[in-house]
Structures are given as structure tokens and as C-alpha cells.
Amino acid sequence: MSSPLLVGVHQPGDSWLHRCPTGVKLLGLAAFSLTVVLTRSAAAAPVFLGLALLAAAVGGVRLATLARATRAILVLAVMAAGFQWWIDGPAKAVETLVDLVALALAAITVSATTPVNAMLDTLVRAARPLRVVGVDPERVALTISLAIGALRDDEHPERDFEAQKAFTPWTSAWNVTGMPAVSLPLHWTPDGLPVGVMLAARPADDALLLSLAAQVEAAAPWHDRRPPGW
């Protein structure tokens, strides 16, 4: 199985954070992160951690979700704290560790209370002014190809249809509209199975998509990889 971080941590809900506009949450996260980085004090670190935990509680984020999503981040935080200990001593190391955990919890809380497509739409709208310098944020879409862990049920057609939707929630729109899309095996599970990353483009923009896929393959080649039993 792939890491749960690959498929996101969003959990539907009706909390105040769930209803809060996506742009406000992203700006709040940016402001919180900037404040933590600029403040950097032993007295403020527990306060920041408390605020992050309070936000998670308000959003109804499950403890299992927090633990699962922070597992990999915690390893990096401990490594950074260890380096800080070597440079500036234990007090600064603890402060660094607490700050990094607070930042991670805040980011996870926003992810858990905000659908990925809503965040992408907000970021695309924010990037539209870049068109004046030749940057088009809506030219290519990026998502994963399959949802990990979905199972088929051939004995019950209705359940089977729901399982298929769960298995390929992101590819359906491109199949229906006929717009160009390509799946690239950019990640591999511990069992050696490929995890596809899907790129999609505007109608008739196949040339752009193929060119981009070729550049990605050159940067991260996979032609010599074979799953078990191939």
C-alpha cells in the first residue's frame, strides 16, 4: 500500500473550519506559518502548538488522521531538531521541534477540512494575474490516477459501480469529456507496484501534454521498472 499522504487527508464535515472559505484558510495558514518563522522564541512555541491543536479540535480532525499524516513529518522534524541541538543547544532544539510540529498540524488541519480541488481552484485563481507575464495556471491539470484501496464487487452491480467510482474518481471526467490525459508511473509502493500521476490538458492540446510527459519521463525515467510477476 502507498502512503496515505499520497491520497490526501480530507475528511468531510460541517465544522466552522469546513465552512470557512478556502482562500481565508490558506491565507490564515500562510500568516500562521510566517508568524511562527519570524517569532522563533521558546515562550511562543507552546502557544503556536496550542493554537494548532485548537484548530484541529475545532475542525473535528480525527487523532488517527493527525497521527498518520504527521508520522513522516515528525521524522524530519526530529532530524532538524537534532541538528539545531548540535548548533545552538537543547533549548533551541526543543523550540525548533515544537514549531515544526505546530506548522505540520496547522497544514494538516487545513488539508483535512478542505477538499483538494477547492485548494487547487483557489490557487489557480490567485495565479491568474501571472498571465500577463506568460504563465497560464490552467493549462495543465495534475492529479493521481487511482484511489488506493478500493475493491470491486462483481456480485452486486450497484456496489461494483460505487467501487469503480472510488477506484478511479479522478479519471472519469476526462473519459467523459474526451480531453487529453496521460498517466505516468512516478511513484512505487513498497511492494514494487506503480502509482500513477495523471496529467490532463485542454481540448486538442495533445502536443503540450506529450511534450510535458516526455520531459517528466526524462527527469524520472521508469522504462526499466517492472512490477512483480511481470
Protein backbone atom coordinates (compact mmCIF):
# COMPACT_ATOMS: atom_id res chain seq x y z
CA MET A 1 0.00 0.00 0.00
CA SER A 2 1.13 3.53 -0.69
CA SER A 3 1.49 6.17 1.99
CA PRO A 4 -1.84 7.76 2.94
CA LEU A 5 -0.23 11.13 2.28
CA LEU A 6 -0.48 10.37 -1.44
CA VAL A 7 -4.25 10.39 -1.43
CA GLY A 8 -4.75 13.28 1.00
CA VAL A 9 -6.28 13.53 4.46
CA HIS A 10 -9.52 15.37 3.72
CA GLN A 11 -12.46 14.30 5.88
CA PRO A 12 -15.93 15.74 5.16
CA GLY A 13 -17.65 17.61 7.97
CA ASP A 14 -19.77 20.59 8.96
CA SER A 15 -17.46 22.39 11.37
CA TRP A 16 -16.75 26.10 11.22
CA LEU A 17 -13.42 25.34 9.56
CA HIS A 18 -15.12 23.18 6.93
CA ARG A 19 -17.46 26.06 6.07
CA CYS A 20 -14.75 28.70 6.10
CA PRO A 21 -13.81 29.92 2.59
CA THR A 22 -10.77 28.14 1.19
CA GLY A 23 -8.93 31.36 0.44
CA VAL A 24 -9.32 32.52 4.04
CA LYS A 25 -7.93 29.22 5.33
CA LEU A 26 -4.94 29.31 3.01
CA LEU A 27 -4.20 32.94 3.90
CA GLY A 28 -4.56 32.07 7.58
CA LEU A 29 -2.16 29.16 7.18
CA ALA A 30 0.34 31.41 5.39
CA ALA A 31 0.05 34.08 8.09
CA PHE A 32 0.41 31.50 10.87
CA SER A 33 3.48 29.97 9.21
CA LEU A 34 5.10 33.37 8.71
CA THR A 35 4.43 34.32 12.33
CA VAL A 36 5.98 31.10 13.62
CA VAL A 37 9.08 31.52 11.45
CA LEU A 38 9.60 35.20 12.34
CA THR A 39 8.88 34.88 16.05
CA ARG A 40 11.09 31.86 16.92
CA SER A 41 11.02 32.04 20.73
CA ALA A 42 10.84 29.35 23.40
CA ALA A 43 7.92 31.13 25.07
CA ALA A 44 5.87 31.38 21.85
CA ALA A 45 6.45 27.81 20.62
CA PRO A 46 3.97 26.15 23.04
CA VAL A 47 1.42 28.84 22.21
CA PHE A 48 1.71 28.10 18.50
CA LEU A 49 1.37 24.37 19.19
CA GLY A 50 -1.70 25.02 21.31
CA LEU A 51 -3.28 27.12 18.56
CA ALA A 52 -2.63 24.37 16.00
CA LEU A 53 -4.18 21.74 18.28
CA LEU A 54 -7.15 24.03 18.96
CA ALA A 55 -7.71 24.47 15.21
CA ALA A 56 -7.58 20.69 14.74
CA ALA A 57 -10.14 20.24 17.52
CA VAL A 58 -12.45 22.90 16.07
CA GLY A 59 -12.22 21.21 12.67
CA GLY A 60 -13.01 17.82 14.20
CA VAL A 61 -9.83 16.31 12.76
CA ARG A 62 -9.51 12.73 13.97
CA LEU A 63 -6.49 11.85 16.09
CA ALA A 64 -5.78 8.93 13.77
CA THR A 65 -5.60 11.34 10.83
CA LEU A 66 -3.22 13.64 12.68
CA ALA A 67 -1.01 10.76 13.76
CA ARG A 68 -0.94 9.19 10.30
CA ALA A 69 -0.14 12.42 8.47
CA THR A 70 2.49 13.66 10.93
CA ARG A 71 4.40 10.38 11.07
CA ALA A 72 6.74 11.14 8.16
CA ILE A 73 6.92 14.84 9.01
CA LEU A 74 7.90 14.05 12.60
CA VAL A 75 10.99 12.18 11.42
CA LEU A 76 12.18 15.27 9.53
CA ALA A 77 11.32 17.49 12.50
CA VAL A 78 13.40 15.34 14.85
CA MET A 79 16.33 15.41 12.42
CA ALA A 80 16.10 19.20 12.16
CA ALA A 81 15.90 19.48 15.95
CA GLY A 82 18.94 17.25 16.31
CA PHE A 83 20.92 19.50 14.00
CA GLN A 84 19.70 22.53 15.94
CA TRP A 85 20.83 20.88 19.19
CA TRP A 86 24.31 20.46 17.74
CA ILE A 87 24.44 24.11 16.62
CA ASP A 88 22.60 26.02 19.40
CA GLY A 89 21.93 23.60 22.24
CA PRO A 90 18.92 21.68 23.62
CA ALA A 91 16.65 24.67 24.31
CA LYS A 92 16.73 25.82 20.68
CA ALA A 93 16.30 22.22 19.52
CA VAL A 94 13.10 21.78 21.53
CA GLU A 95 11.79 25.09 20.24
CA THR A 96 12.52 24.03 16.65
CA LEU A 97 10.81 20.68 17.13
CA VAL A 98 7.68 22.24 18.65
CA ASP A 99 7.49 24.91 15.93
CA LEU A 100 7.78 22.33 13.14
CA VAL A 101 5.10 20.13 14.71
CA ALA A 102 2.80 23.15 15.07
CA LEU A 103 3.30 24.07 11.40
CA ALA A 104 2.63 20.48 10.33
CA LEU A 105 -0.54 20.25 12.43
CA ALA A 106 -1.83 23.53 11.03
CA ALA A 107 -1.22 22.38 7.44
CA ILE A 108 -2.85 19.00 8.12
CA THR A 109 -5.89 20.70 9.66
CA VAL A 110 -6.37 22.84 6.55
CA SER A 111 -5.98 19.76 4.34
CA ALA A 112 -8.41 17.74 6.45
CA THR A 113 -11.11 20.41 6.30
CA THR A 114 -10.65 21.46 2.66
CA PRO A 115 -11.17 19.36 -0.48
CA VAL A 116 -8.08 19.23 -2.68
CA ASN A 117 -9.98 20.53 -5.71
CA ALA A 118 -11.10 23.59 -3.71
CA MET A 119 -7.50 24.38 -2.78
CA LEU A 120 -6.36 23.92 -6.38
CA ASP A 121 -9.15 26.17 -7.68
CA THR A 122 -8.20 28.86 -5.17
CA LEU A 123 -4.51 28.67 -6.08
CA VAL A 124 -5.33 28.80 -9.79
CA ARG A 125 -7.49 31.91 -9.31
CA ALA A 126 -4.73 33.53 -7.26
CA ALA A 127 -2.18 32.79 -10.00
CA ARG A 128 -4.27 34.20 -12.86
CA PRO A 129 -2.57 37.64 -12.73
CA LEU A 130 0.63 35.83 -13.79
CA ARG A 131 -0.86 35.50 -17.28
CA VAL A 132 0.46 38.99 -18.08
CA VAL A 133 3.99 37.55 -17.91
CA GLY A 134 3.13 34.45 -19.93
CA VAL A 135 2.27 31.99 -17.13
CA ASP A 136 -1.04 30.14 -17.64
CA PRO A 137 -2.04 28.32 -14.42
CA GLU A 138 -4.96 26.50 -16.06
CA ARG A 139 -3.15 24.89 -18.97
CA VAL A 140 -2.39 21.52 -17.35
CA ALA A 141 -4.18 19.67 -14.54
CA LEU A 142 -2.38 17.33 -12.13
CA THR A 143 -3.88 14.54 -10.02
CA ILE A 144 -3.26 10.91 -9.12
CA SER A 145 -4.65 8.26 -11.42
CA LEU A 146 -6.28 5.85 -8.97
CA ALA A 147 -7.51 5.89 -5.41
CA ILE A 148 -5.60 3.35 -3.36
CA GLY A 149 -7.51 0.63 -1.52
CA ALA A 150 -10.77 0.47 -3.47
CA LEU A 151 -12.14 -3.03 -4.19
CA ARG A 152 -14.55 -4.33 -6.81
CA ASP A 153 -17.72 -6.30 -6.05
CA ASP A 154 -18.77 -8.14 -9.21
CA GLU A 155 -21.67 -9.93 -7.49
CA HIS A 156 -23.54 -6.69 -6.78
CA PRO A 157 -23.68 -4.27 -9.76
CA GLU A 158 -24.61 -1.26 -7.65
CA ARG A 159 -21.78 -1.85 -5.20
CA ASP A 160 -19.46 -2.55 -8.10
CA PHE A 161 -20.31 0.80 -9.69
CA GLU A 162 -19.66 2.59 -6.40
CA ALA A 163 -16.37 0.71 -6.05
CA GLN A 164 -15.33 1.72 -9.56
CA LYS A 165 -16.06 5.35 -8.77
CA ALA A 166 -13.99 5.04 -5.60
CA PHE A 167 -11.17 3.36 -7.52
CA THR A 168 -10.97 5.93 -10.35
CA PRO A 169 -12.58 9.13 -9.04
CA TRP A 170 -10.32 11.47 -11.00
CA THR A 171 -10.13 9.82 -14.41
CA SER A 172 -13.88 9.74 -15.10
CA ALA A 173 -14.22 13.41 -16.01
CA TRP A 174 -11.53 13.16 -18.65
CA ASN A 175 -13.05 9.95 -20.07
CA VAL A 176 -16.45 11.60 -20.38
CA THR A 177 -15.24 14.86 -21.92
CA GLY A 178 -12.63 13.25 -24.16
CA MET A 179 -9.96 15.75 -23.20
CA PRO A 180 -6.34 14.54 -23.45
CA ALA A 181 -4.82 12.93 -20.34
CA VAL A 182 -1.86 10.70 -19.56
CA SER A 183 -0.91 8.62 -16.53
CA LEU A 184 2.76 8.46 -15.54
CA PRO A 185 4.16 5.92 -13.01
CA LEU A 186 6.11 8.40 -10.89
CA HIS A 187 5.87 6.60 -7.55
CA TRP A 188 6.30 2.98 -6.48
CA THR A 189 4.81 1.24 -3.46
CA PRO A 190 6.98 -0.81 -1.09
CA ASP A 191 5.60 -3.88 -2.92
CA GLY A 192 7.01 -2.61 -6.21
CA LEU A 193 3.68 -1.56 -7.77
CA PRO A 194 3.49 1.69 -9.75
CA VAL A 195 1.38 4.62 -8.57
CA GLY A 196 0.17 6.72 -11.47
CA VAL A 197 0.19 10.52 -11.60
CA MET A 198 -2.24 11.88 -14.17
CA LEU A 199 -1.67 14.98 -16.26
CA ALA A 200 -4.53 16.43 -18.30
CA ALA A 201 -4.71 19.29 -20.75
CA ARG A 202 -7.26 21.41 -22.57
CA PRO A 203 -9.13 20.00 -25.58
CA ALA A 204 -6.84 19.38 -28.56
CA ASP A 205 -3.74 20.34 -26.57
CA ASP A 206 -2.23 16.88 -27.00
CA ALA A 207 1.11 18.24 -28.18
CA LEU A 208 1.66 20.14 -24.94
CA LEU A 209 0.71 17.09 -22.88
CA LEU A 210 3.00 14.71 -24.76
CA SER A 211 5.87 17.18 -24.56
CA LEU A 212 5.40 17.60 -20.81
CA ALA A 213 5.12 13.82 -20.29
CA ALA A 214 8.35 13.31 -22.24
CA GLN A 215 10.16 15.87 -20.07
CA VAL A 216 8.87 14.22 -16.88
CA GLU A 217 9.96 10.78 -18.14
CA ALA A 218 13.43 12.14 -18.95
CA ALA A 219 13.70 13.60 -15.42
CA ALA A 220 12.32 10.49 -13.68
CA PRO A 221 12.67 7.51 -16.07
CA TRP A 222 10.67 4.36 -15.44
CA HIS A 223 11.12 2.33 -18.65
CA ASP A 224 13.33 -0.19 -16.84
CA ARG A 225 10.95 -0.70 -13.91
CA ARG A 226 8.76 -3.82 -13.82
CA PRO A 227 6.15 -4.75 -11.20
CA PRO A 228 6.37 -8.18 -9.53
CA GLY A 229 5.13 -11.01 -11.77
CA TRP A 230 5.55 -9.00 -14.99
